[in-house]
Each structure stands twice: as C-alpha cells, then as structure tokens.
Protein backbone atom coordinates (compact mmCIF):
# COMPACT_ATOMS: atom_id res chain seq x y z
CA MET A 1 0.25 -0.09 -0.06
CA GLN A 2 2.95 2.49 0.98
CA THR A 3 4.81 1.44 -2.22
CA PHE A 4 1.75 2.21 -4.33
CA SER A 5 0.99 5.80 -2.58
CA MET A 6 4.76 6.28 -3.21
CA LEU A 7 4.49 5.49 -6.96
CA LYS A 8 1.67 7.30 -7.15
CA LYS A 9 3.02 10.55 -5.82
CA PHE A 10 6.18 9.94 -7.93
CA ALA A 11 3.61 9.41 -10.59
CA ILE A 12 2.07 12.76 -9.62
CA MET A 13 5.19 14.65 -9.16
CA LYS A 14 6.72 13.52 -12.67
CA GLY A 15 3.36 14.67 -14.41
CA ARG A 16 3.90 17.87 -12.98
CA THR A 17 7.19 18.50 -13.71
CA ASN A 18 6.60 17.38 -17.31
CA THR A 19 4.31 19.79 -17.46
CA GLU A 20 6.41 22.77 -15.83
CA GLU A 21 9.10 21.37 -18.67
CA ASN A 22 6.99 22.02 -21.56
CA ILE A 23 5.88 25.50 -20.47
CA MET A 24 9.62 26.25 -19.81
CA SER A 25 10.39 25.32 -23.27
CA LYS A 26 7.48 26.94 -24.99
CA LYS A 27 9.08 30.42 -27.18
CA ILE A 28 8.28 34.02 -27.33
CA ILE A 29 7.80 35.98 -30.69
CA GLY A 30 8.79 39.65 -30.26
CA ILE A 31 7.66 42.19 -32.39
CA ASP A 32 9.53 45.76 -32.97
CA LEU A 33 7.12 47.75 -35.46
CA GLY A 34 8.85 50.82 -36.83
CA GLY A 35 8.04 53.37 -39.59
CA THR A 36 10.17 51.82 -42.27
CA SER A 37 10.28 47.95 -41.35
CA ILE A 38 8.76 45.53 -38.84
CA LYS A 39 11.53 43.33 -37.30
CA PHE A 40 10.58 40.08 -35.43
CA ALA A 41 12.25 37.61 -33.83
CA ILE A 42 11.39 33.95 -31.87
CA LEU A 43 13.35 33.91 -28.63
CA THR A 44 13.39 31.35 -25.67
CA GLN A 45 12.07 32.38 -22.22
CA GLU A 46 15.73 33.13 -21.56
CA GLY A 47 16.24 36.09 -24.10
CA GLU A 48 18.10 33.92 -26.16
CA ILE A 49 16.63 34.52 -29.94
CA GLN A 50 16.63 31.75 -32.33
CA GLU A 51 15.31 32.89 -35.26
CA LYS A 52 14.85 36.71 -36.78
CA TRP A 53 13.51 38.32 -39.73
CA SER A 54 11.97 41.54 -40.99
CA ILE A 55 9.37 42.77 -43.79
CA LYS A 56 9.00 46.35 -44.96
CA THR A 57 6.57 48.68 -43.24
CA ASN A 58 3.56 48.96 -45.54
CA ILE A 59 1.95 52.68 -44.39
CA LEU A 60 -0.22 52.70 -47.97
CA ASP A 61 -4.10 53.03 -47.15
CA GLU A 62 -3.71 54.95 -43.29
CA GLY A 63 -1.46 51.81 -42.39
CA SER A 64 -4.35 49.32 -42.94
CA HIS A 65 -2.20 46.72 -44.20
CA ILE A 66 0.19 46.50 -41.26
CA VAL A 67 -1.59 43.94 -38.99
CA ASP A 68 -2.93 41.48 -41.66
CA GLU A 69 0.95 41.62 -43.08
CA MET A 70 2.58 41.08 -39.87
CA ILE A 71 0.06 38.25 -39.11
CA GLU A 72 0.65 36.67 -42.69
CA SER A 73 4.60 37.04 -41.96
CA ILE A 74 4.32 35.38 -38.45
CA GLN A 75 1.98 32.24 -40.08
CA HIS A 76 4.35 31.84 -43.28
CA ARG A 77 7.58 31.74 -40.68
CA LEU A 78 5.97 29.36 -38.16
CA GLU A 79 4.73 26.92 -41.42
CA LEU A 80 8.77 27.11 -42.57
CA LEU A 81 9.79 26.02 -39.20
CA ASN A 82 7.01 23.78 -38.39
CA LEU A 83 5.43 25.74 -35.11
CA SER A 84 2.18 26.21 -34.11
CA ALA A 85 0.44 28.19 -31.22
CA GLU A 86 0.97 25.65 -28.83
CA ASN A 87 4.90 26.25 -29.13
CA PHE A 88 4.48 29.99 -27.62
CA ILE A 89 3.54 31.60 -24.57
CA GLY A 90 2.92 34.88 -26.18
CA ILE A 91 3.47 37.74 -28.33
CA GLY A 92 4.80 41.17 -27.38
CA MET A 93 5.00 43.99 -29.51
CA GLY A 94 6.68 47.85 -29.41
CA SER A 95 4.71 50.14 -31.44
CA PRO A 96 4.83 54.11 -31.81
CA GLY A 97 1.83 55.89 -30.86
CA VAL A 98 -0.29 56.03 -28.05
CA VAL A 99 -0.25 52.37 -26.66
CA ASP A 100 -3.33 51.31 -24.59
CA ARG A 101 -1.68 48.61 -22.80
CA GLU A 102 -4.65 46.72 -21.30
CA LYS A 103 -7.11 46.48 -24.81
CA GLY A 104 -3.89 46.31 -26.90
CA THR A 105 -5.20 49.44 -29.33
CA VAL A 106 -2.39 52.18 -30.48
CA ILE A 107 -4.03 55.28 -32.29
CA GLY A 108 -1.90 58.25 -33.45
CA ALA A 109 1.40 56.37 -34.71
CA TYR A 110 1.39 59.06 -37.62
CA ASN A 111 5.13 57.51 -38.89
CA LEU A 112 2.44 54.45 -39.28
CA ASN A 113 0.05 56.65 -41.11
CA TRP A 114 -2.33 55.81 -38.27
CA LYS A 115 -4.81 58.06 -37.33
CA THR A 116 -7.86 55.93 -36.11
CA LEU A 117 -7.79 53.29 -33.36
CA GLN A 118 -6.00 50.18 -34.05
CA PRO A 119 -6.87 47.13 -32.45
CA ILE A 120 -3.91 45.11 -32.52
CA LYS A 121 -4.26 42.21 -29.83
CA GLU A 122 -7.72 41.34 -30.98
CA LYS A 123 -6.65 40.67 -34.34
CA ILE A 124 -3.59 38.96 -33.42
CA GLU A 125 -5.52 36.84 -31.12
CA LYS A 126 -7.87 35.70 -33.06
CA ALA A 127 -5.64 35.10 -36.28
CA LEU A 128 -3.12 33.14 -34.34
CA GLY A 129 -4.24 32.06 -31.16
CA ILE A 130 -1.26 33.34 -29.03
CA PRO A 131 -1.72 35.94 -26.10
CA PHE A 132 -0.55 39.33 -27.49
CA PHE A 133 1.32 42.23 -25.31
CA ILE A 134 1.72 45.58 -26.21
CA ASP A 135 4.15 48.65 -24.94
CA ASN A 136 5.71 52.26 -26.27
CA ASP A 137 8.48 51.30 -28.45
CA ALA A 138 10.65 53.71 -26.41
CA ASN A 139 9.89 51.37 -23.04
CA VAL A 140 9.82 48.23 -25.23
CA ALA A 141 13.76 48.78 -26.28
CA ALA A 142 14.26 49.78 -22.28
CA LEU A 143 13.33 46.48 -21.29
CA GLY A 144 15.55 45.05 -23.72
CA GLU A 145 18.59 46.81 -23.20
CA ARG A 146 17.84 45.95 -19.26
CA TRP A 147 17.07 42.51 -19.44
CA MET A 148 19.88 41.38 -22.02
CA GLY A 149 21.69 44.66 -22.67
CA ALA A 150 24.04 46.99 -21.03
CA GLY A 151 21.30 46.95 -17.71
CA ASP A 152 22.48 43.67 -16.42
CA ASN A 153 19.26 42.68 -15.80
CA GLN A 154 19.04 44.86 -12.46
CA PRO A 155 15.75 46.25 -11.24
CA ASP A 156 16.49 49.94 -11.69
CA VAL A 157 17.90 51.10 -15.47
CA VAL A 158 16.86 53.95 -17.34
CA PHE A 159 17.18 53.92 -20.91
CA MET A 160 17.51 57.13 -23.46
CA THR A 161 17.70 56.85 -27.12
CA LEU A 162 19.45 59.35 -29.12
CA GLY A 163 17.78 59.44 -32.79
CA THR A 164 16.03 61.78 -35.03
CA GLY A 165 13.93 62.73 -31.85
CA VAL A 166 15.14 61.43 -28.31
CA GLY A 167 13.13 58.73 -26.35
CA GLY A 168 13.28 56.85 -22.93
CA GLY A 169 12.39 54.30 -20.66
CA ILE A 170 12.07 53.80 -16.96
CA VAL A 171 11.96 50.39 -15.22
CA ALA A 172 12.14 50.71 -11.18
CA GLU A 173 12.11 47.94 -8.83
CA GLY A 174 11.88 46.11 -12.09
CA LYS A 175 8.80 47.48 -13.42
CA LEU A 176 8.35 49.69 -16.37
CA LEU A 177 7.01 53.01 -14.99
CA HIS A 178 3.83 55.10 -17.38
CA GLY A 179 2.76 57.63 -15.31
CA VAL A 180 -0.60 57.97 -14.85
CA ALA A 181 -1.35 59.26 -18.77
CA GLY A 182 1.49 57.27 -19.98
CA ALA A 183 3.60 59.90 -20.73
CA GLY A 184 6.03 58.68 -17.64
CA GLY A 185 9.91 58.43 -19.61
CA GLU A 186 9.26 61.34 -21.70
CA LEU A 187 13.22 62.26 -20.96
CA GLY A 188 13.45 64.10 -24.44
CA HIS A 189 11.22 66.41 -22.87
CA ILE A 190 12.98 67.58 -19.92
CA THR A 191 14.01 71.05 -19.94
CA VAL A 192 17.78 71.62 -20.17
CA ASP A 193 18.57 74.66 -22.86
CA PHE A 194 17.84 78.09 -21.07
CA ASP A 195 20.73 79.51 -23.49
CA GLN A 196 19.07 80.72 -26.49
CA PRO A 197 16.09 77.63 -26.21
CA ILE A 198 14.25 76.42 -29.23
CA LEU A 199 10.65 75.29 -29.98
CA CYS A 200 10.26 71.58 -29.75
CA THR A 201 7.90 69.79 -31.53
CA CYS A 202 5.82 69.63 -28.42
CA GLY A 203 5.23 73.05 -28.33
CA LYS A 204 7.58 73.83 -25.66
CA LYS A 205 11.02 75.36 -25.84
CA GLY A 206 14.38 73.92 -24.32
CA CYS A 207 13.50 70.27 -24.27
CA LEU A 208 16.75 67.95 -24.26
CA GLU A 209 15.19 66.79 -27.80
CA THR A 210 16.52 70.16 -29.48
CA VAL A 211 20.11 69.65 -28.45
CA ALA A 212 20.64 66.06 -28.29
CA SER A 213 19.27 64.58 -30.62
CA ALA A 214 20.53 63.70 -34.31
CA THR A 215 18.18 66.98 -35.32
CA GLY A 216 19.46 68.65 -32.04
CA ILE A 217 23.09 68.30 -32.70
CA VAL A 218 22.58 70.33 -36.15
CA ASN A 219 20.50 72.90 -34.38
CA LEU A 220 23.44 73.26 -32.15
CA THR A 221 26.00 73.51 -34.76
CA ARG A 222 24.04 75.99 -36.74
CA ARG A 223 23.92 77.78 -33.26
CA TYR A 224 27.66 77.86 -32.69
CA ALA A 225 28.52 78.16 -36.49
CA ASP A 226 26.77 81.68 -36.67
CA GLU A 227 28.65 83.03 -33.13
CA TYR A 228 32.03 81.36 -34.97
CA ALA A 229 34.55 83.75 -36.55
CA GLY A 230 37.73 80.63 -37.04
CA ASP A 231 38.26 78.54 -39.99
CA ALA A 232 36.91 75.54 -38.73
CA GLU A 233 36.54 72.57 -40.78
CA LEU A 234 33.02 72.35 -39.45
CA LYS A 235 32.20 76.04 -40.61
CA LYS A 236 33.22 75.60 -44.10
CA LEU A 237 30.77 73.18 -44.54
CA ILE A 238 28.10 75.41 -42.60
CA ASP A 239 28.69 78.29 -44.90
CA ASN A 240 29.05 76.53 -48.29
CA GLY A 241 25.47 75.57 -47.38
CA GLU A 242 26.61 71.72 -47.32
CA ASP A 243 24.03 69.20 -45.69
CA VAL A 244 26.15 68.52 -41.66
CA ASN A 245 25.08 65.44 -39.79
CA ALA A 246 25.69 64.23 -35.86
CA LYS A 247 28.20 61.83 -37.65
CA ILE A 248 30.08 64.59 -39.56
CA VAL A 249 30.24 66.95 -35.98
CA PHE A 250 31.47 64.10 -33.89
CA ASP A 251 34.04 62.92 -36.32
CA LEU A 252 35.53 66.57 -36.67
CA ALA A 253 35.40 66.98 -32.77
CA LYS A 254 37.57 64.01 -32.76
CA SER A 255 39.66 65.38 -35.39
CA GLY A 256 40.14 68.50 -33.51
CA ASP A 257 38.24 70.44 -34.88
CA GLU A 258 37.48 73.82 -32.97
CA LEU A 259 34.19 74.47 -33.85
CA ALA A 260 33.04 71.20 -33.54
CA LEU A 261 34.67 70.62 -30.28
CA ILE A 262 32.12 73.32 -28.89
CA VAL A 263 29.52 71.86 -30.08
CA TYR A 264 30.44 68.20 -28.88
CA ARG A 265 31.29 70.16 -25.47
CA ASN A 266 27.64 71.94 -25.57
CA PHE A 267 25.89 68.74 -26.45
CA SER A 268 27.63 66.82 -23.31
CA ARG A 269 26.64 69.46 -21.28
CA TYR A 270 23.04 69.45 -21.86
CA LEU A 271 23.16 65.14 -22.09
CA GLY A 272 24.89 65.14 -18.72
CA ILE A 273 22.77 67.52 -16.72
CA ALA A 274 20.07 65.81 -17.91
CA CYS A 275 21.83 62.45 -16.49
CA ALA A 276 22.46 63.44 -13.52
CA ASN A 277 19.01 65.15 -12.55
CA ILE A 278 17.86 61.59 -13.92
CA GLY A 279 20.22 59.93 -11.30
CA SER A 280 18.91 62.17 -8.66
CA ILE A 281 15.36 61.54 -9.15
CA LEU A 282 16.23 57.57 -9.79
CA ASN A 283 18.83 56.59 -8.59
CA PRO A 284 18.73 53.52 -11.07
CA SER A 285 22.35 51.47 -11.68
CA THR A 286 22.79 52.33 -15.02
CA ILE A 287 21.31 54.70 -17.37
CA VAL A 288 21.57 53.16 -20.96
CA ILE A 289 22.50 55.77 -23.84
CA GLY A 290 21.37 54.24 -27.09
CA GLY A 291 20.47 55.04 -30.64
CA GLY A 292 22.03 56.51 -33.95
CA VAL A 293 23.56 59.14 -32.13
CA SER A 294 25.61 56.88 -29.79
CA ALA A 295 27.30 55.24 -32.41
CA ALA A 296 30.27 58.03 -31.69
CA GLY A 297 30.87 55.49 -28.67
CA GLU A 298 33.38 56.36 -26.19
CA PHE A 299 33.48 59.85 -27.19
CA LEU A 300 30.55 60.80 -26.66
CA LEU A 301 30.23 58.90 -23.11
CA ASP A 302 33.26 60.62 -21.80
CA GLY A 303 32.23 63.85 -22.41
CA VAL A 304 28.51 62.98 -20.89
CA ARG A 305 30.32 61.64 -18.22
CA LYS A 306 32.19 64.32 -16.95
CA VAL A 307 29.41 66.76 -16.80
CA TYR A 308 27.21 64.02 -15.19
CA GLU A 309 29.76 63.60 -12.48
CA GLU A 310 30.39 67.24 -11.95
CA ASN A 311 26.46 67.72 -11.77
CA SER A 312 25.54 64.84 -9.73
CA PHE A 313 25.01 64.50 -6.10
CA PRO A 314 27.51 62.43 -4.24
CA GLN A 315 25.97 58.56 -3.73
CA VAL A 316 24.30 59.07 -7.25
CA ARG A 317 27.77 59.68 -8.45
CA THR A 318 29.05 56.90 -6.84
CA SER A 319 26.42 54.31 -7.37
CA THR A 320 24.59 55.31 -10.98
CA LYS A 321 26.99 54.84 -13.86
CA LEU A 322 26.59 56.12 -17.58
CA ALA A 323 26.51 53.20 -20.45
CA LEU A 324 26.22 52.51 -24.24
CA ALA A 325 23.78 50.11 -25.24
CA THR A 326 25.03 46.90 -26.70
CA LEU A 327 21.86 45.39 -28.38
CA GLY A 328 21.69 47.66 -31.06
CA ASN A 329 18.48 46.80 -33.73
CA ASP A 330 17.83 43.47 -31.03
CA ALA A 331 17.08 45.58 -28.41
CA GLY A 332 13.30 46.34 -29.45
CA VAL A 333 12.49 42.61 -30.08
CA ILE A 334 13.82 41.34 -27.27
CA GLY A 335 12.29 43.96 -24.91
CA ALA A 336 9.21 43.10 -26.75
CA ALA A 337 9.66 39.58 -25.57
CA SER A 338 9.93 40.44 -21.97
CA LEU A 339 6.50 41.98 -21.80
CA VAL A 340 5.23 38.37 -22.07
CA LEU A 341 6.79 37.50 -19.19
CA GLN A 342 6.19 40.37 -17.03
C-alpha cells in the first residue's frame, strides 16, 4: 500500500515536472514595429534569439495593411519552422504612437499613417491564437537593454535613445513606469536649454530633444557656427550650405576641429545635466544611452560622463553609472518578448 502511494506520488510529481518543462520549453515572439520596417524574432524564455526576420512596413491606405501583413509573416514563418500556437507562451510588441496596454490598441502613430484606433491585440489573437502584449516602443527598448543588454538585468535601469528625437524608458524596481497618462519616461522633454531655447515639436521650448538628438546636434552646430569667426572645417561646411549631420560633427570633433568641439562640449553639457537630474530623481544602477547618435561611442560617453559627475549628488555619482547600449537593433524585439514574461 505504501509502495503504491509512493509510486502514485512520484507519478504526479513527474507529471507536474513534465508540464513545467513543457511550459519552460515554449517560445516567445517579439515584434519591433517601425515606420520603415517591422522586425520579428523568436526567442527562448531566457532571452536568446533563435530566429529573426523583417518585412517592410506598408503604410499605404492609412496603414490598414500593417497588422494583416504582420500576421501573414508570422504564419508563414511558423509553417517554415513547423511550429504552431502551442509552441508559444505569447507575442510581445513595441509600437510607436499612443498605446493602450490593457486593450491592446494604438492610435496616433503618424509615421505608420495610423490616425484611427487600431485593435491590434484583438486581430492578432483571433488570427494566431497566441496571447498578445504591447507597449510603447521606447519602453520596450528599455526593457530589452535592461534584460539582456547594458542594464545587466538589474531592477532599476533608465534607457535613453538618441535618434531623430530623444526617447526613453524607465524600469524601477523591475517594472516599467508609465505614469498616470502614459507619459512616464518622456526624457526628451526634460527642459535643459535656458541659453537660446528652441521650440520643440511638443510645443514648448528648451527640451533635451532640441539639443541632444541627431536634429539637436545640427541645431547646436548652426547656433555656434553663427557665433564662430575661425576657419574650422565644420564652419566651412555650414557656410557652403552643405548638409551636416551628427556623425560629421562627432568625427570632426574627434579630429580636433575647433567648432565641432564647441558643439560637442555643449551637447555633452546638456545631456550630462539631464543624466545628473535623472540620477538624482531615480538613482538607477545604470543610465543606458542608445540610438543612432550613440554610435559616436566612448567619445560621446566621455564628454557626457564628465558633466554628469560634476553635477551629480555624491551618492548618485558613485552608484549610478552611464553606459552605452549594447543590443543595437535587437533591443526592440528582445524587450517586446520580455513583455510576455512581465
């Protein structure tokens, strides 16, 4: 009798273990929805990318084809890999625009031509039979860098992305901060420029975005070129009406160009002060800097770190570090996958 009970107990435990193993072997689909392309990945629950692909974003007809083409692409890939809905615990997606995380909808993603409400969750779950989760694309990238990138999977990480604008995401005590209206983490709209504040796309002046994004660096270049009387190469480019971008400015600064160094120091001043303020408010383990502008690498980080340390509260200075993002274009799909695990 005792032997039978022990065998029964063992069988139950074995069944439970097999179930747990089955759940843990299931995969996640991560989607990074952008205005130019849609990136997809199939990942393990440990964050390892096993398969990735992308398609062009079809924004014709007010973006009405986007979700259908995403569904078709996933279905085609699962057929190729001989996988089905049973192999997945969920799909996560990062999207531009105003995201309703509970309802799984998006509105106002103008780079996608989405002017009306998009019921993404409803359509994807109905078509694929896999649970679907969504958040803002900057928040999702923050989750990716926090989980598998420069954030070292620490519970308190801030991610700042320097692209055409400045985006951001805040992970505090392991959870994304959204704020009462979903505007938590809008780091690009911290006011930092009181010298000659420029009107931002948000409608106010002096935002970090106007001086620390790719566009912001061009703004600073034009500002200081007007005041500069020397013969720097960057000045010649501006005076000749040539196109100047962030990469050109940083490359010239690295080579010692006088005007480019003025731009670099002021860019570093604005971004370093913003990071010092973020550090004092949140005291994360890491402020991760990513986006296209961060391609300037350690040169960028050195200038920002110097200002950050000069303007930081002592305990913050010694506990909150600045780091460059490490995941590149994979941050979005990895962070989207982590939404499923949240």
